[in-house]
Amino acid sequence: MASLVVAFIVLSVLADRSAPQRIVTGTIRACEAGEWLSVATYRTDPKGFPIALRETTAYEGSPTAIKTGARVTIWYRSVGERRFVADKVRVLADAAPH
């Protein structure tokens, strides 16, 4: 029984690493710090689509800048979970003058 559990864990880790990575740039519509965010592009509905954040997610820029309305580029994968999973999040500088 223990060998089946170990085999399942090993296969799950390998599957996570082999999933193709995708990239999206858009605006954060909703988020929960350190847990998930919803990013919308001109191709998605106004609510966007949810992406999970994990402890292994890398950040370019300050993670505290990740909030509703921020522009971001996200590298993510589909690993068989309810949400896509982010590998890296880059917070983009706001192009609009204030």
PDB file of N, CA and C in Angstrom:
ATOM      1  N   MET A   1       0.819  -1.196   0.000  1.00  0.00           N
ATOM      2  CA  MET A   1       0.000   0.000   0.000  1.00  0.00           C
ATOM      3  C   MET A   1       0.863   1.259   0.000  1.00  0.00           C
ATOM      4  N   ALA A   2       1.896   1.259   0.799  1.00  0.00           N
ATOM      5  CA  ALA A   2       2.780   2.430   0.880  1.00  0.00           C
ATOM      6  C   ALA A   2       3.456   2.691  -0.462  1.00  0.00           C
ATOM      7  N   SER A   3       3.800   1.626  -1.178  1.00  0.00           N
ATOM      8  CA  SER A   3       4.463   1.809  -2.474  1.00  0.00           C
ATOM      9  C   SER A   3       3.509   2.452  -3.490  1.00  0.00           C
ATOM     10  N   LEU A   4       2.223   2.167  -3.386  1.00  0.00           N
ATOM     11  CA  LEU A   4       1.243   2.798  -4.265  1.00  0.00           C
ATOM     12  C   LEU A   4       1.136   4.295  -3.979  1.00  0.00           C
ATOM     13  N   VAL A   5       1.179   4.661  -2.721  1.00  0.00           N
ATOM     14  CA  VAL A   5       1.108   6.068  -2.341  1.00  0.00           C
ATOM     15  C   VAL A   5       2.341   6.805  -2.856  1.00  0.00           C
ATOM     16  N   VAL A   6       3.508   6.229  -2.672  1.00  0.00           N
ATOM     17  CA  VAL A   6       4.754   6.836  -3.142  1.00  0.00           C
ATOM     18  C   VAL A   6       4.726   6.969  -4.666  1.00  0.00           C
ATOM     19  N   ALA A   7       4.290   5.933  -5.364  1.00  0.00           N
ATOM     20  CA  ALA A   7       4.216   5.976  -6.826  1.00  0.00           C
ATOM     21  C   ALA A   7       3.263   7.081  -7.281  1.00  0.00           C
ATOM     22  N   PHE A   8       2.140   7.223  -6.612  1.00  0.00           N
ATOM     23  CA  PHE A   8       1.180   8.270  -6.958  1.00  0.00           C
ATOM     24  C   PHE A   8       1.792   9.655  -6.774  1.00  0.00           C
ATOM     25  N   ILE A   9       2.492   9.873  -5.684  1.00  0.00           N
ATOM     26  CA  ILE A   9       3.120  11.171  -5.419  1.00  0.00           C
ATOM     27  C   ILE A   9       4.183  11.473  -6.466  1.00  0.00           C
ATOM     28  N   VAL A  10       5.012  10.507  -6.798  1.00  0.00           N
ATOM     29  CA  VAL A  10       6.064  10.705  -7.801  1.00  0.00           C
ATOM     30  C   VAL A  10       5.450  11.041  -9.155  1.00  0.00           C
ATOM     31  N   LEU A  11       4.430  10.317  -9.555  1.00  0.00           N
ATOM     32  CA  LEU A  11       3.777  10.581 -10.837  1.00  0.00           C
ATOM     33  C   LEU A  11       3.099  11.958 -10.844  1.00  0.00           C
ATOM     34  N   SER A  12       2.532  12.359  -9.727  1.00  0.00           N
ATOM     35  CA  SER A  12       1.904  13.683  -9.648  1.00  0.00           C
ATOM     36  C   SER A  12       2.933  14.793  -9.801  1.00  0.00           C
ATOM     37  N   VAL A  13       4.078  14.639  -9.157  1.00  0.00           N
ATOM     38  CA  VAL A  13       5.135  15.652  -9.266  1.00  0.00           C
ATOM     39  C   VAL A  13       5.641  15.728 -10.699  1.00  0.00           C
ATOM     40  N   LEU A  14       5.859  14.586 -11.327  1.00  0.00           N
ATOM     41  CA  LEU A  14       6.325  14.573 -12.713  1.00  0.00           C
ATOM     42  C   LEU A  14       5.292  15.187 -13.648  1.00  0.00           C
ATOM     43  N   ALA A  15       4.032  14.935 -13.420  1.00  0.00           N
ATOM     44  CA  ALA A  15       2.976  15.495 -14.265  1.00  0.00           C
ATOM     45  C   ALA A  15       2.917  17.009 -14.122  1.00  0.00           C
ATOM     46  N   ASP A  16       3.086  17.517 -12.894  1.00  0.00           N
ATOM     47  CA  ASP A  16       3.095  18.968 -12.673  1.00  0.00           C
ATOM     48  C   ASP A  16       4.216  19.630 -13.456  1.00  0.00           C
ATOM     49  N   ARG A  17       5.379  19.032 -13.471  1.00  0.00           N
ATOM     50  CA  ARG A  17       6.536  19.620 -14.136  1.00  0.00           C
ATOM     51  C   ARG A  17       6.450  19.519 -15.649  1.00  0.00           C
ATOM     52  N   SER A  18       5.735  18.541 -16.156  1.00  0.00           N
ATOM     53  CA  SER A  18       5.676  18.362 -17.607  1.00  0.00           C
ATOM     54  C   SER A  18       4.508  19.101 -18.253  1.00  0.00           C
ATOM     55  N   ALA A  19       3.619  19.698 -17.463  1.00  0.00           N
ATOM     56  CA  ALA A  19       2.491  20.441 -18.019  1.00  0.00           C
ATOM     57  C   ALA A  19       3.020  21.665 -18.773  1.00  0.00           C
ATOM     58  N   PRO A  20       2.484  21.938 -19.961  1.00  0.00           N
ATOM     59  CA  PRO A  20       2.964  23.093 -20.731  1.00  0.00           C
ATOM     60  C   PRO A  20       2.657  24.404 -20.012  1.00  0.00           C
ATOM     61  N   GLN A  21       3.612  25.307 -20.068  1.00  0.00           N
ATOM     62  CA  GLN A  21       3.453  26.607 -19.430  1.00  0.00           C
ATOM     63  C   GLN A  21       2.833  27.589 -20.415  1.00  0.00           C
ATOM     64  N   ARG A  22       1.914  28.407 -19.919  1.00  0.00           N
ATOM     65  CA  ARG A  22       1.271  29.436 -20.725  1.00  0.00           C
ATOM     66  C   ARG A  22       1.540  30.786 -20.080  1.00  0.00           C
ATOM     67  N   ILE A  23       1.345  31.843 -20.859  1.00  0.00           N
ATOM     68  CA  ILE A  23       1.578  33.199 -20.369  1.00  0.00           C
ATOM     69  C   ILE A  23       0.357  34.050 -20.681  1.00  0.00           C
ATOM     70  N   VAL A  24      -0.048  34.866 -19.723  1.00  0.00           N
ATOM     71  CA  VAL A  24      -1.157  35.798 -19.932  1.00  0.00           C
ATOM     72  C   VAL A  24      -0.775  37.151 -19.323  1.00  0.00           C
ATOM     73  N   THR A  25      -1.167  38.229 -20.009  1.00  0.00           N
ATOM     74  CA  THR A  25      -1.010  39.578 -19.477  1.00  0.00           C
ATOM     75  C   THR A  25      -2.392  40.192 -19.391  1.00  0.00           C
ATOM     76  N   GLY A  26      -2.718  40.734 -18.241  1.00  0.00           N
ATOM     77  CA  GLY A  26      -4.035  41.318 -18.060  1.00  0.00           C
ATOM     78  C   GLY A  26      -4.130  42.109 -16.777  1.00  0.00           C
ATOM     79  N   THR A  27      -5.362  42.376 -16.374  1.00  0.00           N
ATOM     80  CA  THR A  27      -5.656  43.174 -15.188  1.00  0.00           C
ATOM     81  C   THR A  27      -6.280  42.299 -14.121  1.00  0.00           C
ATOM     82  N   ILE A  28      -5.823  42.462 -12.883  1.00  0.00           N
ATOM     83  CA  ILE A  28      -6.385  41.689 -11.775  1.00  0.00           C
ATOM     84  C   ILE A  28      -7.772  42.233 -11.457  1.00  0.00           C
ATOM     85  N   ARG A  29      -8.759  41.354 -11.473  1.00  0.00           N
ATOM     86  CA  ARG A  29     -10.144  41.727 -11.166  1.00  0.00           C
ATOM     87  C   ARG A  29     -10.514  41.412  -9.726  1.00  0.00           C
ATOM     88  N   ALA A  30      -9.895  40.405  -9.144  1.00  0.00           N
ATOM     89  CA  ALA A  30     -10.140  40.024  -7.751  1.00  0.00           C
ATOM     90  C   ALA A  30      -8.938  39.221  -7.288  1.00  0.00           C
ATOM     91  N   CYS A  31      -8.677  39.235  -5.978  1.00  0.00           N
ATOM     92  CA  CYS A  31      -7.559  38.449  -5.468  1.00  0.00           C
ATOM     93  C   CYS A  31      -7.689  38.227  -3.973  1.00  0.00           C
ATOM     94  N   GLU A  32      -7.006  37.194  -3.520  1.00  0.00           N
ATOM     95  CA  GLU A  32      -6.849  36.908  -2.100  1.00  0.00           C
ATOM     96  C   GLU A  32      -5.359  36.695  -1.900  1.00  0.00           C
ATOM     97  N   ALA A  33      -4.735  37.576  -1.153  1.00  0.00           N
ATOM     98  CA  ALA A  33      -3.281  37.612  -0.994  1.00  0.00           C
ATOM     99  C   ALA A  33      -2.684  36.229  -0.713  1.00  0.00           C
ATOM    100  N   GLY A  34      -1.748  35.840  -1.558  1.00  0.00           N
ATOM    101  CA  GLY A  34      -1.040  34.587  -1.386  1.00  0.00           C
ATOM    102  C   GLY A  34      -1.823  33.338  -1.748  1.00  0.00           C
ATOM    103  N   GLU A  35      -3.096  33.480  -2.096  1.00  0.00           N
ATOM    104  CA  GLU A  35      -3.948  32.326  -2.384  1.00  0.00           C
ATOM    105  C   GLU A  35      -4.297  32.207  -3.867  1.00  0.00           C
ATOM    106  N   TRP A  36      -4.892  33.255  -4.435  1.00  0.00           N
ATOM    107  CA  TRP A  36      -5.340  33.210  -5.832  1.00  0.00           C
ATOM    108  C   TRP A  36      -5.559  34.631  -6.334  1.00  0.00           C
ATOM    109  N   LEU A  37      -5.672  34.743  -7.637  1.00  0.00           N
ATOM    110  CA  LEU A  37      -6.079  35.991  -8.261  1.00  0.00           C
ATOM    111  C   LEU A  37      -6.868  35.658  -9.515  1.00  0.00           C
ATOM    112  N   SER A  38      -7.664  36.611  -9.957  1.00  0.00           N
ATOM    113  CA  SER A  38      -8.442  36.465 -11.183  1.00  0.00           C
ATOM    114  C   SER A  38      -7.948  37.532 -12.141  1.00  0.00           C
ATOM    115  N   VAL A  39      -7.481  37.114 -13.318  1.00  0.00           N
ATOM    116  CA  VAL A  39      -6.923  38.056 -14.289  1.00  0.00           C
ATOM    117  C   VAL A  39      -7.813  38.096 -15.527  1.00  0.00           C
ATOM    118  N   ALA A  40      -8.079  39.308 -16.004  1.00  0.00           N
ATOM    119  CA  ALA A  40      -8.929  39.495 -17.181  1.00  0.00           C
ATOM    120  C   ALA A  40      -8.120  40.126 -18.303  1.00  0.00           C
ATOM    121  N   THR A  41      -8.378  39.670 -19.522  1.00  0.00           N
ATOM    122  CA  THR A  41      -7.773  40.243 -20.717  1.00  0.00           C
ATOM    123  C   THR A  41      -8.911  40.667 -21.627  1.00  0.00           C
ATOM    124  N   TYR A  42      -8.594  41.219 -22.763  1.00  0.00           N
ATOM    125  CA  TYR A  42      -9.649  41.599 -23.698  1.00  0.00           C
ATOM    126  C   TYR A  42     -10.362  40.370 -24.260  1.00  0.00           C
ATOM    127  N   ARG A  43      -9.785  39.183 -24.106  1.00  0.00           N
ATOM    128  CA  ARG A  43     -10.400  37.955 -24.621  1.00  0.00           C
ATOM    129  C   ARG A  43     -11.284  37.246 -23.611  1.00  0.00           C
ATOM    130  N   THR A  44     -11.162  37.586 -22.330  1.00  0.00           N
ATOM    131  CA  THR A  44     -11.948  36.907 -21.301  1.00  0.00           C
ATOM    132  C   THR A  44     -13.139  37.769 -20.905  1.00  0.00           C
ATOM    133  N   ASP A  45     -14.038  37.176 -20.143  1.00  0.00           N
ATOM    134  CA  ASP A  45     -15.141  37.979 -19.638  1.00  0.00           C
ATOM    135  C   ASP A  45     -14.604  38.958 -18.585  1.00  0.00           C
ATOM    136  N   PRO A  46     -15.386  39.948 -18.203  1.00  0.00           N
ATOM    137  CA  PRO A  46     -14.899  40.972 -17.271  1.00  0.00           C
ATOM    138  C   PRO A  46     -14.419  40.433 -15.922  1.00  0.00           C
ATOM    139  N   LYS A  47     -14.917  39.265 -15.504  1.00  0.00           N
ATOM    140  CA  LYS A  47     -14.480  38.676 -14.235  1.00  0.00           C
ATOM    141  C   LYS A  47     -13.095  38.060 -14.345  1.00  0.00           C
ATOM    142  N   GLY A  48     -12.673  37.692 -15.551  1.00  0.00           N
ATOM    143  CA  GLY A  48     -11.377  37.043 -15.730  1.00  0.00           C
ATOM    144  C   GLY A  48     -11.434  35.570 -15.399  1.00  0.00           C
ATOM    145  N   PHE A  49     -10.257  34.968 -15.262  1.00  0.00           N
ATOM    146  CA  PHE A  49     -10.214  33.568 -14.873  1.00  0.00           C
ATOM    147  C   PHE A  49      -9.248  33.403 -13.700  1.00  0.00           C
ATOM    148  N   PRO A  50      -9.579  32.475 -12.772  1.00  0.00           N
ATOM    149  CA  PRO A  50      -8.797  32.346 -11.545  1.00  0.00           C
ATOM    150  C   PRO A  50      -7.489  31.575 -11.746  1.00  0.00           C
ATOM    151  N   ILE A  51      -6.451  32.028 -11.037  1.00  0.00           N
ATOM    152  CA  ILE A  51      -5.146  31.374 -11.044  1.00  0.00           C
ATOM    153  C   ILE A  51      -4.691  31.261  -9.593  1.00  0.00           C
ATOM    154  N   ALA A  52      -4.333  30.056  -9.178  1.00  0.00           N
ATOM    155  CA  ALA A  52      -3.879  29.824  -7.808  1.00  0.00           C
ATOM    156  C   ALA A  52      -2.430  30.260  -7.638  1.00  0.00           C
ATOM    157  N   LEU A  53      -2.136  30.788  -6.464  1.00  0.00           N
ATOM    158  CA  LEU A  53      -0.773  31.138  -6.090  1.00  0.00           C
ATOM    159  C   LEU A  53      -0.322  30.128  -5.037  1.00  0.00           C
ATOM    160  N   ARG A  54       0.921  29.731  -5.108  1.00  0.00           N
ATOM    161  CA  ARG A  54       1.470  28.783  -4.143  1.00  0.00           C
ATOM    162  C   ARG A  54       2.718  29.373  -3.513  1.00  0.00           C
ATOM    163  N   GLU A  55       3.237  28.689  -2.517  1.00  0.00           N
ATOM    164  CA  GLU A  55       4.479  29.126  -1.880  1.00  0.00           C
ATOM    165  C   GLU A  55       5.635  29.135  -2.873  1.00  0.00           C
ATOM    166  N   THR A  56       5.548  28.331  -3.925  1.00  0.00           N
ATOM    167  CA  THR A  56       6.623  28.245  -4.913  1.00  0.00           C
ATOM    168  C   THR A  56       6.489  29.276  -6.032  1.00  0.00           C
ATOM    169  N   THR A  57       5.432  30.075  -6.017  1.00  0.00           N
ATOM    170  CA  THR A  57       5.249  31.096  -7.046  1.00  0.00           C
ATOM    171  C   THR A  57       6.333  32.156  -6.906  1.00  0.00           C
ATOM    172  N   ALA A  58       7.010  32.470  -8.022  1.00  0.00           N
ATOM    173  CA  ALA A  58       8.044  33.503  -8.030  1.00  0.00           C
ATOM    174  C   ALA A  58       7.407  34.841  -8.378  1.00  0.00           C
ATOM    175  N   TYR A  59       7.912  35.906  -7.787  1.00  0.00           N
ATOM    176  CA  TYR A  59       7.373  37.242  -8.032  1.00  0.00           C
ATOM    177  C   TYR A  59       8.458  38.162  -8.564  1.00  0.00           C
ATOM    178  N   GLU A  60       8.118  38.934  -9.592  1.00  0.00           N
ATOM    179  CA  GLU A  60       8.975  40.007 -10.075  1.00  0.00           C
ATOM    180  C   GLU A  60       8.262  41.289  -9.686  1.00  0.00           C
ATOM    181  N   GLY A  61       8.848  42.022  -8.783  1.00  0.00           N
ATOM    182  CA  GLY A  61       8.174  43.162  -8.189  1.00  0.00           C
ATOM    183  C   GLY A  61       7.664  42.740  -6.828  1.00  0.00           C
ATOM    184  N   SER A  62       7.033  43.641  -6.157  1.00  0.00           N
ATOM    185  CA  SER A  62       6.559  43.379  -4.801  1.00  0.00           C
ATOM    186  C   SER A  62       5.245  42.606  -4.815  1.00  0.00           C
ATOM    187  N   PRO A  63       5.167  41.502  -4.064  1.00  0.00           N
ATOM    188  CA  PRO A  63       3.890  40.783  -3.968  1.00  0.00           C
ATOM    189  C   PRO A  63       2.772  41.647  -3.374  1.00  0.00           C
ATOM    190  N   THR A  64       3.131  42.684  -2.611  1.00  0.00           N
ATOM    191  CA  THR A  64       2.101  43.569  -2.048  1.00  0.00           C
ATOM    192  C   THR A  64       1.454  44.442  -3.118  1.00  0.00           C
ATOM    193  N   ALA A  65       2.091  44.545  -4.297  1.00  0.00           N
ATOM    194  CA  ALA A  65       1.509  45.320  -5.408  1.00  0.00           C
ATOM    195  C   ALA A  65       0.433  44.528  -6.143  1.00  0.00           C
ATOM    196  N   ILE A  66       0.259  43.275  -5.788  1.00  0.00           N
ATOM    197  CA  ILE A  66      -0.762  42.441  -6.423  1.00  0.00           C
ATOM    198  C   ILE A  66      -2.096  42.738  -5.753  1.00  0.00           C
ATOM    199  N   LYS A  67      -2.888  43.558  -6.437  1.00  0.00           N
ATOM    200  CA  LYS A  67      -4.193  43.951  -5.925  1.00  0.00           C
ATOM    201  C   LYS A  67      -5.112  44.260  -7.100  1.00  0.00           C
ATOM    202  N   THR A  68      -6.378  44.376  -6.826  1.00  0.00           N
ATOM    203  CA  THR A  68      -7.369  44.656  -7.856  1.00  0.00           C
ATOM    204  C   THR A  68      -6.964  45.883  -8.662  1.00  0.00           C
ATOM    205  N   GLY A  69      -6.979  45.745  -9.993  1.00  0.00           N
ATOM    206  CA  GLY A  69      -6.645  46.840 -10.896  1.00  0.00           C
ATOM    207  C   GLY A  69      -5.204  46.829 -11.377  1.00  0.00           C
ATOM    208  N   ALA A  70      -4.335  46.055 -10.733  1.00  0.00           N
ATOM    209  CA  ALA A  70      -2.926  46.004 -11.150  1.00  0.00           C
ATOM    210  C   ALA A  70      -2.796  45.224 -12.459  1.00  0.00           C
ATOM    211  N   ARG A  71      -1.868  45.660 -13.312  1.00  0.00           N
ATOM    212  CA  ARG A  71      -1.564  44.944 -14.559  1.00  0.00           C
ATOM    213  C   ARG A  71      -0.450  43.956 -14.262  1.00  0.00           C
ATOM    214  N   VAL A  72      -0.619  42.725 -14.723  1.00  0.00           N
ATOM    215  CA  VAL A  72       0.348  41.666 -14.447  1.00  0.00           C
ATOM    216  C   VAL A  72       0.570  40.782 -15.666  1.00  0.00           C
ATOM    217  N   THR A  73       1.725  40.151 -15.700  1.00  0.00           N
ATOM    218  CA  THR A  73       1.984  39.049 -16.620  1.00  0.00           C
ATOM    219  C   THR A  73       2.178  37.829 -15.745  1.00  0.00           C
ATOM    220  N   ILE A  74       1.504  36.731 -16.100  1.00  0.00           N
ATOM    221  CA  ILE A  74       1.548  35.515 -15.291  1.00  0.00           C
ATOM    222  C   ILE A  74       1.939  34.337 -16.158  1.00  0.00           C
ATOM    223  N   TRP A  75       2.909  33.570 -15.697  1.00  0.00           N
ATOM    224  CA  TRP A  75       3.285  32.293 -16.306  1.00  0.00           C
ATOM    225  C   TRP A  75       2.568  31.235 -15.478  1.00  0.00           C
ATOM    226  N   TYR A  76       1.742  30.420 -16.126  1.00  0.00           N
ATOM    227  CA  TYR A  76       0.916  29.470 -15.379  1.00  0.00           C
ATOM    228  C   TYR A  76       0.823  28.134 -16.098  1.00  0.00           C
ATOM    229  N   ARG A  77       0.321  27.141 -15.365  1.00  0.00           N
ATOM    230  CA  ARG A  77       0.120  25.786 -15.896  1.00  0.00           C
ATOM    231  C   ARG A  77      -1.238  25.245 -15.453  1.00  0.00           C
ATOM    232  N   SER A  78      -1.722  24.296 -16.212  1.00  0.00           N
ATOM    233  CA  SER A  78      -2.890  23.533 -15.812  1.00  0.00           C
ATOM    234  C   SER A  78      -2.376  22.186 -15.313  1.00  0.00           C
ATOM    235  N   VAL A  79      -2.567  21.947 -14.016  1.00  0.00           N
ATOM    236  CA  VAL A  79      -2.012  20.726 -13.421  1.00  0.00           C
ATOM    237  C   VAL A  79      -3.102  19.815 -12.863  1.00  0.00           C
ATOM    238  N   GLY A  80      -4.288  19.919 -13.418  1.00  0.00           N
ATOM    239  CA  GLY A  80      -5.374  19.031 -13.006  1.00  0.00           C
ATOM    240  C   GLY A  80      -6.062  19.472 -11.730  1.00  0.00           C
ATOM    241  N   GLU A  81      -5.898  20.716 -11.346  1.00  0.00           N
ATOM    242  CA  GLU A  81      -6.582  21.244 -10.175  1.00  0.00           C
ATOM    243  C   GLU A  81      -7.753  22.101 -10.627  1.00  0.00           C
ATOM    244  N   ARG A  82      -8.508  22.587  -9.672  1.00  0.00           N
ATOM    245  CA  ARG A  82      -9.670  23.419  -9.980  1.00  0.00           C
ATOM    246  C   ARG A  82      -9.276  24.704 -10.701  1.00  0.00           C
ATOM    247  N   ARG A  83      -8.134  25.263 -10.322  1.00  0.00           N
ATOM    248  CA  ARG A  83      -7.639  26.498 -10.933  1.00  0.00           C
ATOM    249  C   ARG A  83      -6.312  26.229 -11.623  1.00  0.00           C
ATOM    250  N   PHE A  84      -5.953  27.107 -12.564  1.00  0.00           N
ATOM    251  CA  PHE A  84      -4.604  27.089 -13.094  1.00  0.00           C
ATOM    252  C   PHE A  84      -3.671  27.441 -11.937  1.00  0.00           C
ATOM    253  N   VAL A  85      -2.384  27.105 -12.055  1.00  0.00           N
ATOM    254  CA  VAL A  85      -1.412  27.384 -10.995  1.00  0.00           C
ATOM    255  C   VAL A  85      -0.312  28.276 -11.552  1.00  0.00           C
ATOM    256  N   ALA A  86      -0.028  29.384 -10.868  1.00  0.00           N
ATOM    257  CA  ALA A  86       0.993  30.335 -11.305  1.00  0.00           C
ATOM    258  C   ALA A  86       2.391  29.834 -10.967  1.00  0.00           C
ATOM    259  N   ASP A  87       3.303  29.944 -11.949  1.00  0.00           N
ATOM    260  CA  ASP A  87       4.718  29.683 -11.705  1.00  0.00           C
ATOM    261  C   ASP A  87       5.427  30.992 -11.362  1.00  0.00           C
ATOM    262  N   LYS A  88       5.035  32.060 -12.066  1.00  0.00           N
ATOM    263  CA  LYS A  88       5.675  33.361 -11.865  1.00  0.00           C
ATOM    264  C   LYS A  88       4.661  34.465 -12.126  1.00  0.00           C
ATOM    265  N   VAL A  89       4.758  35.549 -11.349  1.00  0.00           N
ATOM    266  CA  VAL A  89       3.892  36.706 -11.521  1.00  0.00           C
ATOM    267  C   VAL A  89       4.791  37.942 -11.612  1.00  0.00           C
ATOM    268  N   ARG A  90       4.586  38.734 -12.671  1.00  0.00           N
ATOM    269  CA  ARG A  90       5.323  39.994 -12.845  1.00  0.00           C
ATOM    270  C   ARG A  90       4.309  41.134 -12.779  1.00  0.00           C
ATOM    271  N   VAL A  91       4.515  42.053 -11.854  1.00  0.00           N
ATOM    272  CA  VAL A  91       3.660  43.232 -11.758  1.00  0.00           C
ATOM    273  C   VAL A  91       4.211  44.262 -12.737  1.00  0.00           C
ATOM    274  N   LEU A  92       3.359  44.749 -13.635  1.00  0.00           N
ATOM    275  CA  LEU A  92       3.771  45.695 -14.666  1.00  0.00           C
ATOM    276  C   LEU A  92       3.581  47.130 -14.180  1.00  0.00           C
ATOM    277  N   ALA A  93       4.449  48.007 -14.634  1.00  0.00           N
ATOM    278  CA  ALA A  93       4.329  49.425 -14.298  1.00  0.00           C
ATOM    279  C   ALA A  93       3.076  49.974 -14.970  1.00  0.00           C
ATOM    280  N   ASP A  94       2.346  50.785 -14.269  1.00  0.00           N
ATOM    281  CA  ASP A  94       1.124  51.387 -14.813  1.00  0.00           C
ATOM    282  C   ASP A  94       1.513  52.400 -15.882  1.00  0.00           C
ATOM    283  N   ALA A  95       0.994  52.234 -17.090  1.00  0.00           N
ATOM    284  CA  ALA A  95       1.320  53.110 -18.216  1.00  0.00           C
ATOM    285  C   ALA A  95       0.498  54.397 -18.210  1.00  0.00           C
ATOM    286  N   ALA A  96      -0.602  54.399 -17.477  1.00  0.00           N
ATOM    287  CA  ALA A  96      -1.482  55.582 -17.481  1.00  0.00           C
ATOM    288  C   ALA A  96      -0.929  56.658 -16.549  1.00  0.00           C
ATOM    289  N   PRO A  97      -0.941  57.924 -16.987  1.00  0.00           N
ATOM    290  CA  PRO A  97      -0.491  59.006 -16.109  1.00  0.00           C
ATOM    291  C   PRO A  97      -1.475  59.239 -14.976  1.00  0.00           C
ATOM    292  N   HIS A  98      -0.977  59.648 -13.809  1.00  0.00           N
ATOM    293  CA  HIS A  98      -1.857  59.893 -12.643  1.00  0.00           C
ATOM    294  C   HIS A  98      -1.990  61.363 -12.406  1.00  0.00           C
TER     295      HIS A  98
END
